[in-house]
Amino acid sequence: MIEMPPLQYANVNGIRLGFYEAGPKSDTIPIVLCHGWPEMAFSWRHQIKDLSEAGFRVIAPDQRGYGATDRPEKVEDYSIENLTADLIGLLDHLKIDKAIFVGHDWGGFIVWQMPLRYPNRVAGVVGVNTPHTPRTSEDPIALLRKKYGDHLYIAQFQDLSRKADKIFDSRVEQVFDAFMRKPVPRKPEPIAASDGPPAAGLGASPKLNMAFPQMVAAYDAKFDPREKILSAEEMQVFVDAFRKSGFTGGINWYRNMTGNWQRSAHIDHTVRVPSLMIMAEHDEVLPPSACDGMEKIVPDLEKYLVKGSGHWTQQEKPGEVSATIAEWRKRRFS
């Protein structure tokens, strides 16, 4: 198992945020790695090592609600305004002017928002699997219910009685055993990228079982032919962390999707910084087709396809992801 740098803390935006840092402090444009759900900074362990050894300053936070970072009680504390402000607070704590923000899954949704809300603090953006899309014409939760039904995990997450949270909390090992596996490759169904927000299962194949709480509750690893992504030691890191934190903090990110959408009408969704979109060939939740047309709102965009990878790209194909980020960083910010 790859060792993480020492855990550090910063008091930012009303919370104590845990983060990891590696590489030379002389690097003037650090790389900030933002994880998705259900993950944490440990998901970037390979990139922290690879990119820091390549000479870059790398910072990976456990974001609000996860791991070593505080978990506020109120659902509204997990709004997009707070999630982006946490990252700016971390830059301020470290006395960093600008950074490149790299995000996977929900972290991707956050990093695409950073240049829209804090244009003077963002040098560039890298989306891993998660595309940037225009603002939808309707409430994204309503759109997702229309497309996938109430069984969709995101629709279930809107239930404030926390039924989904309790299923995951009572079966932590099953969650990661079921999720953290390589896919059985099959061609995803093409779905237009304007149908919903990227972190919401945009473009997901209709063949995919999206009722994640029920899937986890019924899961039996003995009948799963897919290859595991994590070693036993890596798996235990995730299990131990989520047994302590629970899943509610991360799920609260989803519970703010309607409110985030309502408050974003005034924002120009054009990303005006150098950007890189790393896509995964076999991600059925965020397929490459979801990135079609991104150039319309991300004019300075490059795309790279990781072949043979499913959703957990930076852990499935760590060397390729690290090398792609490093090459782009050197070329665009030399």
C-alpha atoms as a PDB file:
ATOM      1  CA  MET A   1       0.000   0.000   0.000  1.00  0.00           C
ATOM      2  CA  ILE A   2       1.252   3.491  -0.854  1.00  0.00           C
ATOM      3  CA  GLU A   3       1.829   5.626   2.226  1.00  0.00           C
ATOM      4  CA  MET A   4       0.139   9.012   2.423  1.00  0.00           C
ATOM      5  CA  PRO A   5       1.977  12.192   3.461  1.00  0.00           C
ATOM      6  CA  PRO A   6       1.358  13.395   7.034  1.00  0.00           C
ATOM      7  CA  LEU A   7      -2.206  14.508   7.733  1.00  0.00           C
ATOM      8  CA  GLN A   8      -2.488  18.273   8.278  1.00  0.00           C
ATOM      9  CA  TYR A   9      -5.399  20.476   9.318  1.00  0.00           C
ATOM     10  CA  ALA A  10      -6.647  23.920   8.339  1.00  0.00           C
ATOM     11  CA  ASN A  11      -9.472  25.952   9.834  1.00  0.00           C
ATOM     12  CA  VAL A  12     -11.395  27.133   6.778  1.00  0.00           C
ATOM     13  CA  ASN A  13     -14.901  28.426   6.166  1.00  0.00           C
ATOM     14  CA  GLY A  14     -16.131  27.435   9.635  1.00  0.00           C
ATOM     15  CA  ILE A  15     -14.806  23.856   9.612  1.00  0.00           C
ATOM     16  CA  ARG A  16     -11.578  22.005  10.336  1.00  0.00           C
ATOM     17  CA  LEU A  17     -10.401  20.482   7.080  1.00  0.00           C
ATOM     18  CA  GLY A  18      -7.927  17.611   6.887  1.00  0.00           C
ATOM     19  CA  PHE A  19      -5.527  17.545   3.947  1.00  0.00           C
ATOM     20  CA  TYR A  20      -2.348  15.975   2.624  1.00  0.00           C
ATOM     21  CA  GLU A  21       0.489  17.780   0.887  1.00  0.00           C
ATOM     22  CA  ALA A  22       3.580  16.618  -1.001  1.00  0.00           C
ATOM     23  CA  GLY A  23       6.134  18.016  -3.426  1.00  0.00           C
ATOM     24  CA  PRO A  24       8.185  21.210  -3.498  1.00  0.00           C
ATOM     25  CA  LYS A  25       6.632  24.329  -1.980  1.00  0.00           C
ATOM     26  CA  SER A  26       8.578  26.286  -4.598  1.00  0.00           C
ATOM     27  CA  ASP A  27       6.088  25.100  -7.228  1.00  0.00           C
ATOM     28  CA  THR A  28       4.095  28.270  -7.842  1.00  0.00           C
ATOM     29  CA  ILE A  29       0.985  26.611  -9.348  1.00  0.00           C
ATOM     30  CA  PRO A  30       0.083  23.654  -7.102  1.00  0.00           C
ATOM     31  CA  ILE A  31      -2.290  20.874  -8.075  1.00  0.00           C
ATOM     32  CA  VAL A  32      -5.316  20.392  -5.809  1.00  0.00           C
ATOM     33  CA  LEU A  33      -6.903  16.932  -6.063  1.00  0.00           C
ATOM     34  CA  CYS A  34     -10.617  16.731  -5.235  1.00  0.00           C
ATOM     35  CA  HIS A  35     -12.280  13.361  -4.642  1.00  0.00           C
ATOM     36  CA  GLY A  36     -15.808  12.157  -5.313  1.00  0.00           C
ATOM     37  CA  TRP A  37     -18.389   9.960  -3.585  1.00  0.00           C
ATOM     38  CA  PRO A  38     -17.868   7.712  -1.714  1.00  0.00           C
ATOM     39  CA  GLU A  39     -14.177   8.453  -1.552  1.00  0.00           C
ATOM     40  CA  MET A  40     -11.626  10.703   0.181  1.00  0.00           C
ATOM     41  CA  ALA A  41      -8.129  12.077  -0.378  1.00  0.00           C
ATOM     42  CA  PHE A  42      -6.746   8.538  -0.165  1.00  0.00           C
ATOM     43  CA  SER A  43      -8.326   7.903  -3.578  1.00  0.00           C
ATOM     44  CA  TRP A  44      -5.541  10.088  -5.029  1.00  0.00           C
ATOM     45  CA  ARG A  45      -2.701   8.216  -3.249  1.00  0.00           C
ATOM     46  CA  HIS A  46      -1.046   7.212  -6.549  1.00  0.00           C
ATOM     47  CA  GLN A  47      -1.248  10.722  -8.031  1.00  0.00           C
ATOM     48  CA  ILE A  48       0.047  12.332  -4.820  1.00  0.00           C
ATOM     49  CA  LYS A  49       3.160  10.156  -5.076  1.00  0.00           C
ATOM     50  CA  ASP A  50       3.588  10.335  -8.853  1.00  0.00           C
ATOM     51  CA  LEU A  51       3.002  14.054  -9.300  1.00  0.00           C
ATOM     52  CA  SER A  52       5.073  15.115  -6.286  1.00  0.00           C
ATOM     53  CA  GLU A  53       7.977  12.951  -7.493  1.00  0.00           C
ATOM     54  CA  ALA A  54       7.622  14.645 -10.891  1.00  0.00           C
ATOM     55  CA  GLY A  55       8.334  17.974  -9.186  1.00  0.00           C
ATOM     56  CA  PHE A  56       4.840  19.343  -8.584  1.00  0.00           C
ATOM     57  CA  ARG A  57       3.323  20.579  -5.346  1.00  0.00           C
ATOM     58  CA  VAL A  58       0.235  18.447  -4.694  1.00  0.00           C
ATOM     59  CA  ILE A  59      -2.556  19.020  -2.170  1.00  0.00           C
ATOM     60  CA  ALA A  60      -5.384  16.554  -1.541  1.00  0.00           C
ATOM     61  CA  PRO A  61      -8.122  17.426   0.975  1.00  0.00           C
ATOM     62  CA  ASP A  62     -10.671  15.208   2.623  1.00  0.00           C
ATOM     63  CA  GLN A  63     -13.574  17.391   1.603  1.00  0.00           C
ATOM     64  CA  ARG A  64     -16.436  18.540   3.806  1.00  0.00           C
ATOM     65  CA  GLY A  65     -18.232  15.542   5.317  1.00  0.00           C
ATOM     66  CA  TYR A  66     -15.446  13.042   4.608  1.00  0.00           C
ATOM     67  CA  GLY A  67     -12.535  11.412   6.390  1.00  0.00           C
ATOM     68  CA  ALA A  68     -10.555  13.682   8.694  1.00  0.00           C
ATOM     69  CA  THR A  69     -12.648  16.760   7.871  1.00  0.00           C
ATOM     70  CA  ASP A  70     -15.594  18.061   9.904  1.00  0.00           C
ATOM     71  CA  ARG A  71     -19.138  16.895   9.169  1.00  0.00           C
ATOM     72  CA  PRO A  72     -21.625  19.701   9.872  1.00  0.00           C
ATOM     73  CA  GLU A  73     -25.144  18.603  10.777  1.00  0.00           C
ATOM     74  CA  LYS A  74     -27.249  20.850   8.535  1.00  0.00           C
ATOM     75  CA  VAL A  75     -27.937  19.713   4.975  1.00  0.00           C
ATOM     76  CA  GLU A  76     -27.547  23.262   3.654  1.00  0.00           C
ATOM     77  CA  ASP A  77     -23.989  23.375   5.013  1.00  0.00           C
ATOM     78  CA  TYR A  78     -23.041  21.210   2.017  1.00  0.00           C
ATOM     79  CA  SER A  79     -24.080  23.726  -0.650  1.00  0.00           C
ATOM     80  CA  ILE A  80     -21.921  24.366  -3.699  1.00  0.00           C
ATOM     81  CA  GLU A  81     -21.053  27.749  -2.207  1.00  0.00           C
ATOM     82  CA  ASN A  82     -19.542  26.086   0.875  1.00  0.00           C
ATOM     83  CA  LEU A  83     -17.807  23.297  -1.026  1.00  0.00           C
ATOM     84  CA  THR A  84     -16.029  25.772  -3.301  1.00  0.00           C
ATOM     85  CA  ALA A  85     -15.300  28.208  -0.463  1.00  0.00           C
ATOM     86  CA  ASP A  86     -13.622  25.398   1.491  1.00  0.00           C
ATOM     87  CA  LEU A  87     -11.063  25.031  -1.300  1.00  0.00           C
ATOM     88  CA  ILE A  88     -10.414  28.770  -1.452  1.00  0.00           C
ATOM     89  CA  GLY A  89      -9.974  28.743   2.315  1.00  0.00           C
ATOM     90  CA  LEU A  90      -7.384  26.011   1.918  1.00  0.00           C
ATOM     91  CA  LEU A  91      -5.477  28.113  -0.646  1.00  0.00           C
ATOM     92  CA  ASP A  92      -5.604  31.053   1.753  1.00  0.00           C
ATOM     93  CA  HIS A  93      -4.352  28.898   4.639  1.00  0.00           C
ATOM     94  CA  LEU A  94      -1.392  27.771   2.524  1.00  0.00           C
ATOM     95  CA  LYS A  95      -0.830  31.282   1.122  1.00  0.00           C
ATOM     96  CA  ILE A  96      -1.359  30.087  -2.450  1.00  0.00           C
ATOM     97  CA  ASP A  97      -2.513  32.589  -5.063  1.00  0.00           C
ATOM     98  CA  LYS A  98      -3.692  30.229  -7.813  1.00  0.00           C
ATOM     99  CA  ALA A  99      -3.948  26.489  -8.293  1.00  0.00           C
ATOM    100  CA  ILE A 100      -4.895  23.857 -10.839  1.00  0.00           C
ATOM    101  CA  PHE A 101      -7.957  21.990  -9.589  1.00  0.00           C
ATOM    102  CA  VAL A 102      -8.376  18.333 -10.498  1.00  0.00           C
ATOM    103  CA  GLY A 103     -11.648  16.592  -9.677  1.00  0.00           C
ATOM    104  CA  HIS A 104     -13.141  13.131 -10.060  1.00  0.00           C
ATOM    105  CA  ASP A 105     -16.861  12.282  -9.802  1.00  0.00           C
ATOM    106  CA  TRP A 106     -18.472  14.861  -7.457  1.00  0.00           C
ATOM    107  CA  GLY A 107     -15.059  16.449  -7.085  1.00  0.00           C
ATOM    108  CA  GLY A 108     -15.189  17.069 -10.826  1.00  0.00           C
ATOM    109  CA  PHE A 109     -18.444  18.952 -10.487  1.00  0.00           C
ATOM    110  CA  ILE A 110     -16.835  21.116  -7.789  1.00  0.00           C
ATOM    111  CA  VAL A 111     -13.667  21.916  -9.742  1.00  0.00           C
ATOM    112  CA  TRP A 112     -15.597  22.976 -12.861  1.00  0.00           C
ATOM    113  CA  GLN A 113     -17.421  25.455 -10.628  1.00  0.00           C
ATOM    114  CA  MET A 114     -14.209  26.954  -9.249  1.00  0.00           C
ATOM    115  CA  PRO A 115     -13.288  29.178 -12.255  1.00  0.00           C
ATOM    116  CA  LEU A 116     -16.921  30.328 -12.531  1.00  0.00           C
ATOM    117  CA  ARG A 117     -17.009  31.516  -8.922  1.00  0.00           C
ATOM    118  CA  TYR A 118     -13.334  32.349  -8.216  1.00  0.00           C
ATOM    119  CA  PRO A 119     -11.772  33.174 -11.602  1.00  0.00           C
ATOM    120  CA  ASN A 120      -8.782  34.929 -10.050  1.00  0.00           C
ATOM    121  CA  ARG A 121      -7.781  31.870  -8.002  1.00  0.00           C
ATOM    122  CA  VAL A 122      -7.899  29.176 -10.693  1.00  0.00           C
ATOM    123  CA  ALA A 123      -5.065  28.573 -13.156  1.00  0.00           C
ATOM    124  CA  GLY A 124      -6.580  25.505 -14.809  1.00  0.00           C
ATOM    125  CA  VAL A 125      -9.060  22.659 -14.394  1.00  0.00           C
ATOM    126  CA  VAL A 126      -8.844  18.916 -14.983  1.00  0.00           C
ATOM    127  CA  GLY A 127     -12.034  16.875 -14.969  1.00  0.00           C
ATOM    128  CA  VAL A 128     -11.618  13.142 -14.423  1.00  0.00           C
ATOM    129  CA  ASN A 129     -14.710  11.391 -15.823  1.00  0.00           C
ATOM    130  CA  THR A 130     -16.963  14.329 -14.847  1.00  0.00           C
ATOM    131  CA  PRO A 131     -17.750  16.726 -17.707  1.00  0.00           C
ATOM    132  CA  HIS A 132     -18.745  20.361 -17.469  1.00  0.00           C
ATOM    133  CA  THR A 133     -22.249  20.948 -18.799  1.00  0.00           C
ATOM    134  CA  PRO A 134     -24.553  23.916 -19.344  1.00  0.00           C
ATOM    135  CA  ARG A 135     -27.069  24.771 -16.648  1.00  0.00           C
ATOM    136  CA  THR A 136     -30.174  22.656 -17.169  1.00  0.00           C
ATOM    137  CA  SER A 137     -33.493  24.300 -18.027  1.00  0.00           C
ATOM    138  CA  GLU A 138     -35.251  22.414 -15.233  1.00  0.00           C
ATOM    139  CA  ASP A 139     -34.494  21.245 -11.698  1.00  0.00           C
ATOM    140  CA  PRO A 140     -31.858  18.494 -12.180  1.00  0.00           C
ATOM    141  CA  ILE A 141     -33.513  16.197  -9.642  1.00  0.00           C
ATOM    142  CA  ALA A 142     -36.815  16.439 -11.524  1.00  0.00           C
ATOM    143  CA  LEU A 143     -35.022  15.671 -14.791  1.00  0.00           C
ATOM    144  CA  LEU A 144     -33.295  12.658 -13.293  1.00  0.00           C
ATOM    145  CA  ARG A 145     -36.559  11.322 -11.865  1.00  0.00           C
ATOM    146  CA  LYS A 146     -38.143  11.617 -15.309  1.00  0.00           C
ATOM    147  CA  LYS A 147     -35.276   9.766 -16.972  1.00  0.00           C
ATOM    148  CA  TYR A 148     -34.467   7.057 -14.419  1.00  0.00           C
ATOM    149  CA  GLY A 149     -37.369   6.943 -11.943  1.00  0.00           C
ATOM    150  CA  ASP A 150     -37.534   7.178  -8.167  1.00  0.00           C
ATOM    151  CA  HIS A 151     -35.330   4.111  -7.694  1.00  0.00           C
ATOM    152  CA  LEU A 152     -32.294   6.108  -8.913  1.00  0.00           C
ATOM    153  CA  TYR A 153     -29.858   6.469  -6.027  1.00  0.00           C
ATOM    154  CA  ILE A 154     -29.791  10.273  -6.362  1.00  0.00           C
ATOM    155  CA  ALA A 155     -33.578  10.406  -6.069  1.00  0.00           C
ATOM    156  CA  GLN A 156     -33.397   8.147  -3.013  1.00  0.00           C
ATOM    157  CA  PHE A 157     -30.749  10.424  -1.497  1.00  0.00           C
ATOM    158  CA  GLN A 158     -33.287  13.272  -1.387  1.00  0.00           C
ATOM    159  CA  ASP A 159     -35.126  11.424   1.415  1.00  0.00           C
ATOM    160  CA  LEU A 160     -34.262  13.336   4.590  1.00  0.00           C
ATOM    161  CA  SER A 161     -35.140  10.335   6.758  1.00  0.00           C
ATOM    162  CA  ARG A 162     -31.737   9.000   5.649  1.00  0.00           C
ATOM    163  CA  LYS A 163     -32.884   5.512   4.687  1.00  0.00           C
ATOM    164  CA  ALA A 164     -30.111   5.223   2.107  1.00  0.00           C
ATOM    165  CA  ASP A 165     -27.516   6.532   4.556  1.00  0.00           C
ATOM    166  CA  LYS A 166     -28.509   3.879   7.101  1.00  0.00           C
ATOM    167  CA  ILE A 167     -28.213   1.065   4.564  1.00  0.00           C
ATOM    168  CA  PHE A 168     -24.673   2.141   3.679  1.00  0.00           C
ATOM    169  CA  ASP A 169     -23.688   2.835   7.308  1.00  0.00           C
ATOM    170  CA  SER A 170     -24.715  -0.684   8.328  1.00  0.00           C
ATOM    171  CA  ARG A 171     -22.854  -2.346   5.433  1.00  0.00           C
ATOM    172  CA  VAL A 172     -19.651  -0.348   4.977  1.00  0.00           C
ATOM    173  CA  GLU A 173     -17.531  -3.240   3.779  1.00  0.00           C
ATOM    174  CA  GLN A 174     -20.212  -4.310   1.301  1.00  0.00           C
ATOM    175  CA  VAL A 175     -20.327  -0.755  -0.118  1.00  0.00           C
ATOM    176  CA  PHE A 176     -16.668  -0.766  -1.076  1.00  0.00           C
ATOM    177  CA  ASP A 177     -16.616  -4.414  -2.081  1.00  0.00           C
ATOM    178  CA  ALA A 178     -19.497  -3.757  -4.482  1.00  0.00           C
ATOM    179  CA  PHE A 179     -18.339  -0.391  -5.830  1.00  0.00           C
ATOM    180  CA  MET A 180     -14.553  -0.676  -6.066  1.00  0.00           C
ATOM    181  CA  ARG A 181     -14.295  -3.167  -8.900  1.00  0.00           C
ATOM    182  CA  LYS A 182     -13.363  -3.011 -12.560  1.00  0.00           C
ATOM    183  CA  PRO A 183     -16.283  -3.045 -14.979  1.00  0.00           C
ATOM    184  CA  VAL A 184     -17.393  -5.747 -17.335  1.00  0.00           C
ATOM    185  CA  PRO A 185     -16.860  -3.759 -20.559  1.00  0.00           C
ATOM    186  CA  ARG A 186     -19.905  -3.018 -22.633  1.00  0.00           C
ATOM    187  CA  LYS A 187     -20.877  -0.150 -24.865  1.00  0.00           C
ATOM    188  CA  PRO A 188     -22.786   2.526 -22.916  1.00  0.00           C
ATOM    189  CA  GLU A 189     -25.896   4.068 -24.384  1.00  0.00           C
ATOM    190  CA  PRO A 190     -25.222   7.568 -25.787  1.00  0.00           C
ATOM    191  CA  ILE A 191     -27.226  10.217 -23.930  1.00  0.00           C
ATOM    192  CA  ALA A 192     -27.091  13.957 -24.572  1.00  0.00           C
ATOM    193  CA  ALA A 193     -24.811  15.824 -22.202  1.00  0.00           C
ATOM    194  CA  SER A 194     -27.383  18.508 -21.412  1.00  0.00           C
ATOM    195  CA  ASP A 195     -29.785  16.168 -19.609  1.00  0.00           C
ATOM    196  CA  GLY A 196     -28.452  16.714 -16.100  1.00  0.00           C
ATOM    197  CA  PRO A 197     -25.499  17.715 -13.932  1.00  0.00           C
ATOM    198  CA  PRO A 198     -22.346  15.648 -14.315  1.00  0.00           C
ATOM    199  CA  ALA A 199     -22.148  14.344 -10.773  1.00  0.00           C
ATOM    200  CA  ALA A 200     -25.703  13.103 -11.038  1.00  0.00           C
ATOM    201  CA  GLY A 201     -25.230  10.029 -13.161  1.00  0.00           C
ATOM    202  CA  LEU A 202     -25.484  11.972 -16.401  1.00  0.00           C
ATOM    203  CA  GLY A 203     -25.468   9.733 -19.418  1.00  0.00           C
ATOM    204  CA  ALA A 204     -25.622   6.543 -17.382  1.00  0.00           C
ATOM    205  CA  SER A 205     -26.511   3.400 -19.253  1.00  0.00           C
ATOM    206  CA  PRO A 206     -30.130   2.362 -18.656  1.00  0.00           C
ATOM    207  CA  LYS A 207     -28.835  -1.208 -18.249  1.00  0.00           C
ATOM    208  CA  LEU A 208     -26.924  -0.190 -15.110  1.00  0.00           C
ATOM    209  CA  ASN A 209     -28.548  -0.897 -11.747  1.00  0.00           C
ATOM    210  CA  MET A 210     -28.795   2.629 -10.322  1.00  0.00           C
ATOM    211  CA  ALA A 211     -30.664   1.653  -7.135  1.00  0.00           C
ATOM    212  CA  PHE A 212     -27.404   1.641  -5.197  1.00  0.00           C
ATOM    213  CA  PRO A 213     -28.823   1.276  -1.654  1.00  0.00           C
ATOM    214  CA  GLN A 214     -30.793  -1.837  -2.604  1.00  0.00           C
ATOM    215  CA  MET A 215     -27.889  -3.148  -4.689  1.00  0.00           C
ATOM    216  CA  VAL A 216     -25.559  -2.885  -1.696  1.00  0.00           C
ATOM    217  CA  ALA A 217     -28.114  -4.430   0.671  1.00  0.00           C
ATOM    218  CA  ALA A 218     -28.439  -7.487  -1.596  1.00  0.00           C
ATOM    219  CA  TYR A 219     -24.767  -7.712  -2.555  1.00  0.00           C
ATOM    220  CA  ASP A 220     -22.827 -10.937  -2.101  1.00  0.00           C
ATOM    221  CA  ALA A 221     -19.198 -10.830  -3.199  1.00  0.00           C
ATOM    222  CA  LYS A 222     -19.188 -14.592  -3.829  1.00  0.00           C
ATOM    223  CA  PHE A 223     -21.278 -14.039  -6.953  1.00  0.00           C
ATOM    224  CA  ASP A 224     -19.337 -11.042  -8.315  1.00  0.00           C
ATOM    225  CA  PRO A 225     -16.983 -11.947 -11.192  1.00  0.00           C
ATOM    226  CA  ARG A 226     -15.499  -8.461 -11.502  1.00  0.00           C
ATOM    227  CA  GLU A 227     -11.881  -7.833 -10.600  1.00  0.00           C
ATOM    228  CA  LYS A 228     -11.190  -5.912  -7.398  1.00  0.00           C
ATOM    229  CA  ILE A 229      -9.460  -2.534  -7.657  1.00  0.00           C
ATOM    230  CA  LEU A 230      -8.230  -2.295  -4.075  1.00  0.00           C
ATOM    231  CA  SER A 231      -5.802  -4.455  -2.152  1.00  0.00           C
ATOM    232  CA  ALA A 232      -7.016  -5.749   1.205  1.00  0.00           C
ATOM    233  CA  GLU A 233      -5.002  -3.043   2.969  1.00  0.00           C
ATOM    234  CA  GLU A 234      -6.369  -0.268   0.749  1.00  0.00           C
ATOM    235  CA  MET A 235      -9.900  -1.559   1.201  1.00  0.00           C
ATOM    236  CA  GLN A 236      -9.463  -1.425   4.968  1.00  0.00           C
ATOM    237  CA  VAL A 237      -8.472   2.265   4.815  1.00  0.00           C
ATOM    238  CA  PHE A 238     -11.811   3.116   3.175  1.00  0.00           C
ATOM    239  CA  VAL A 239     -13.808   0.850   5.483  1.00  0.00           C
ATOM    240  CA  ASP A 240     -12.220   2.219   8.651  1.00  0.00           C
ATOM    241  CA  ALA A 241     -12.732   5.825   7.548  1.00  0.00           C
ATOM    242  CA  PHE A 242     -16.402   5.418   6.619  1.00  0.00           C
ATOM    243  CA  ARG A 243     -17.208   3.375   9.716  1.00  0.00           C
ATOM    244  CA  LYS A 244     -16.079   6.426  11.644  1.00  0.00           C
ATOM    245  CA  SER A 245     -17.598   9.154   9.453  1.00  0.00           C
ATOM    246  CA  GLY A 246     -20.697   7.485   8.061  1.00  0.00           C
ATOM    247  CA  PHE A 247     -22.065   8.367   4.641  1.00  0.00           C
ATOM    248  CA  THR A 248     -24.443  11.234   5.445  1.00  0.00           C
ATOM    249  CA  GLY A 249     -21.949  14.068   4.897  1.00  0.00           C
ATOM    250  CA  GLY A 250     -21.199  12.987   1.337  1.00  0.00           C
ATOM    251  CA  ILE A 251     -24.837  12.229   0.564  1.00  0.00           C
ATOM    252  CA  ASN A 252     -25.726  15.751   1.719  1.00  0.00           C
ATOM    253  CA  TRP A 253     -23.840  17.039  -1.338  1.00  0.00           C
ATOM    254  CA  TYR A 254     -26.595  15.424  -3.423  1.00  0.00           C
ATOM    255  CA  ARG A 255     -29.324  16.888  -1.205  1.00  0.00           C
ATOM    256  CA  ASN A 256     -28.246  20.376  -2.260  1.00  0.00           C
ATOM    257  CA  MET A 257     -28.506  19.801  -6.005  1.00  0.00           C
ATOM    258  CA  THR A 258     -31.866  21.541  -6.436  1.00  0.00           C
ATOM    259  CA  GLY A 259     -30.809  24.492  -4.298  1.00  0.00           C
ATOM    260  CA  ASN A 260     -27.478  24.753  -6.108  1.00  0.00           C
ATOM    261  CA  TRP A 261     -29.323  24.840  -9.431  1.00  0.00           C
ATOM    262  CA  GLN A 262     -31.803  27.462  -8.221  1.00  0.00           C
ATOM    263  CA  ARG A 263     -29.004  29.796  -7.109  1.00  0.00           C
ATOM    264  CA  SER A 264     -26.873  29.399 -10.250  1.00  0.00           C
ATOM    265  CA  ALA A 265     -29.097  31.175 -12.785  1.00  0.00           C
ATOM    266  CA  HIS A 266     -26.953  34.324 -12.691  1.00  0.00           C
ATOM    267  CA  ILE A 267     -23.647  32.533 -13.341  1.00  0.00           C
ATOM    268  CA  ASP A 268     -21.938  32.437 -16.733  1.00  0.00           C
ATOM    269  CA  HIS A 269     -21.102  28.739 -17.145  1.00  0.00           C
ATOM    270  CA  THR A 270     -18.244  29.329 -19.597  1.00  0.00           C
ATOM    271  CA  VAL A 271     -14.906  28.069 -18.227  1.00  0.00           C
ATOM    272  CA  ARG A 272     -12.198  30.519 -19.312  1.00  0.00           C
ATOM    273  CA  VAL A 273      -9.024  28.749 -18.150  1.00  0.00           C
ATOM    274  CA  PRO A 274      -6.935  25.974 -19.755  1.00  0.00           C
ATOM    275  CA  SER A 275      -8.782  22.710 -19.183  1.00  0.00           C
ATOM    276  CA  LEU A 276      -8.261  18.991 -19.605  1.00  0.00           C
ATOM    277  CA  MET A 277     -10.998  16.347 -19.718  1.00  0.00           C
ATOM    278  CA  ILE A 278      -9.835  12.810 -18.846  1.00  0.00           C
ATOM    279  CA  MET A 279     -12.512  10.322 -19.894  1.00  0.00           C
ATOM    280  CA  ALA A 280     -12.865   6.621 -19.044  1.00  0.00           C
ATOM    281  CA  GLU A 281     -13.881   4.249 -21.807  1.00  0.00           C
ATOM    282  CA  HIS A 282     -16.059   1.962 -19.680  1.00  0.00           C
ATOM    283  CA  ASP A 283     -17.536   4.362 -17.114  1.00  0.00           C
ATOM    284  CA  GLU A 284     -21.264   3.656 -17.315  1.00  0.00           C
ATOM    285  CA  VAL A 285     -22.258   6.445 -14.926  1.00  0.00           C
ATOM    286  CA  LEU A 286     -20.160   9.161 -16.603  1.00  0.00           C
ATOM    287  CA  PRO A 287     -19.439   7.829 -20.111  1.00  0.00           C
ATOM    288  CA  PRO A 288     -17.237   9.636 -22.638  1.00  0.00           C
ATOM    289  CA  SER A 289     -20.368  10.544 -24.611  1.00  0.00           C
ATOM    290  CA  ALA A 290     -21.360  12.842 -21.734  1.00  0.00           C
ATOM    291  CA  CYS A 291     -18.385  15.022 -22.720  1.00  0.00           C
ATOM    292  CA  ASP A 292     -19.623  15.649 -26.254  1.00  0.00           C
ATOM    293  CA  GLY A 293     -19.948  19.357 -26.995  1.00  0.00           C
ATOM    294  CA  MET A 294     -18.014  20.540 -23.945  1.00  0.00           C
ATOM    295  CA  GLU A 295     -15.956  22.821 -26.174  1.00  0.00           C
ATOM    296  CA  LYS A 296     -18.939  25.155 -26.469  1.00  0.00           C
ATOM    297  CA  ILE A 297     -18.575  26.216 -22.831  1.00  0.00           C
ATOM    298  CA  VAL A 298     -14.912  25.238 -22.297  1.00  0.00           C
ATOM    299  CA  PRO A 299     -13.145  26.885 -25.244  1.00  0.00           C
ATOM    300  CA  ASP A 300      -9.581  25.956 -24.192  1.00  0.00           C
ATOM    301  CA  LEU A 301     -10.207  22.228 -23.790  1.00  0.00           C
ATOM    302  CA  GLU A 302      -8.145  19.113 -24.433  1.00  0.00           C
ATOM    303  CA  LYS A 303      -9.553  15.593 -24.113  1.00  0.00           C
ATOM    304  CA  TYR A 304      -7.859  12.318 -23.282  1.00  0.00           C
ATOM    305  CA  LEU A 305      -9.484   8.874 -23.260  1.00  0.00           C
ATOM    306  CA  VAL A 306      -8.292   6.232 -20.794  1.00  0.00           C
ATOM    307  CA  LYS A 307      -9.063   2.942 -22.492  1.00  0.00           C
ATOM    308  CA  GLY A 308     -10.197  -0.053 -20.478  1.00  0.00           C
ATOM    309  CA  SER A 309     -11.084   1.933 -17.362  1.00  0.00           C
ATOM    310  CA  GLY A 310     -14.339   2.108 -15.467  1.00  0.00           C
ATOM    311  CA  HIS A 311     -15.498   4.793 -13.054  1.00  0.00           C
ATOM    312  CA  TRP A 312     -12.607   4.758 -10.552  1.00  0.00           C
ATOM    313  CA  THR A 313     -10.100   5.914 -13.158  1.00  0.00           C
ATOM    314  CA  GLN A 314      -7.335   7.346 -10.979  1.00  0.00           C
ATOM    315  CA  GLN A 315      -7.263   4.065  -9.038  1.00  0.00           C
ATOM    316  CA  GLU A 316      -7.817   1.683 -11.970  1.00  0.00           C
ATOM    317  CA  LYS A 317      -5.249   3.298 -14.279  1.00  0.00           C
ATOM    318  CA  PRO A 318      -3.152   5.355 -11.855  1.00  0.00           C
ATOM    319  CA  GLY A 319       0.042   5.632 -13.889  1.00  0.00           C
ATOM    320  CA  GLU A 320      -1.758   6.738 -17.041  1.00  0.00           C
ATOM    321  CA  VAL A 321      -3.832   9.325 -15.182  1.00  0.00           C
ATOM    322  CA  SER A 322      -0.764  10.712 -13.395  1.00  0.00           C
ATOM    323  CA  ALA A 323       1.263  10.876 -16.620  1.00  0.00           C
ATOM    324  CA  THR A 324      -1.566  12.597 -18.498  1.00  0.00           C
ATOM    325  CA  ILE A 325      -1.957  15.275 -15.827  1.00  0.00           C
ATOM    326  CA  ALA A 326       1.822  15.770 -15.577  1.00  0.00           C
ATOM    327  CA  GLU A 327       2.314  16.134 -19.339  1.00  0.00           C
ATOM    328  CA  TRP A 328      -0.526  18.646 -19.648  1.00  0.00           C
ATOM    329  CA  ARG A 329       0.690  20.593 -16.591  1.00  0.00           C
ATOM    330  CA  LYS A 330       4.237  20.851 -17.942  1.00  0.00           C
ATOM    331  CA  ARG A 331       3.118  21.843 -21.422  1.00  0.00           C
ATOM    332  CA  ARG A 332       0.513  24.420 -20.434  1.00  0.00           C
ATOM    333  CA  PHE A 333       2.135  25.927 -17.330  1.00  0.00           C
ATOM    334  CA  SER A 334       5.871  25.739 -17.944  1.00  0.00           C
END
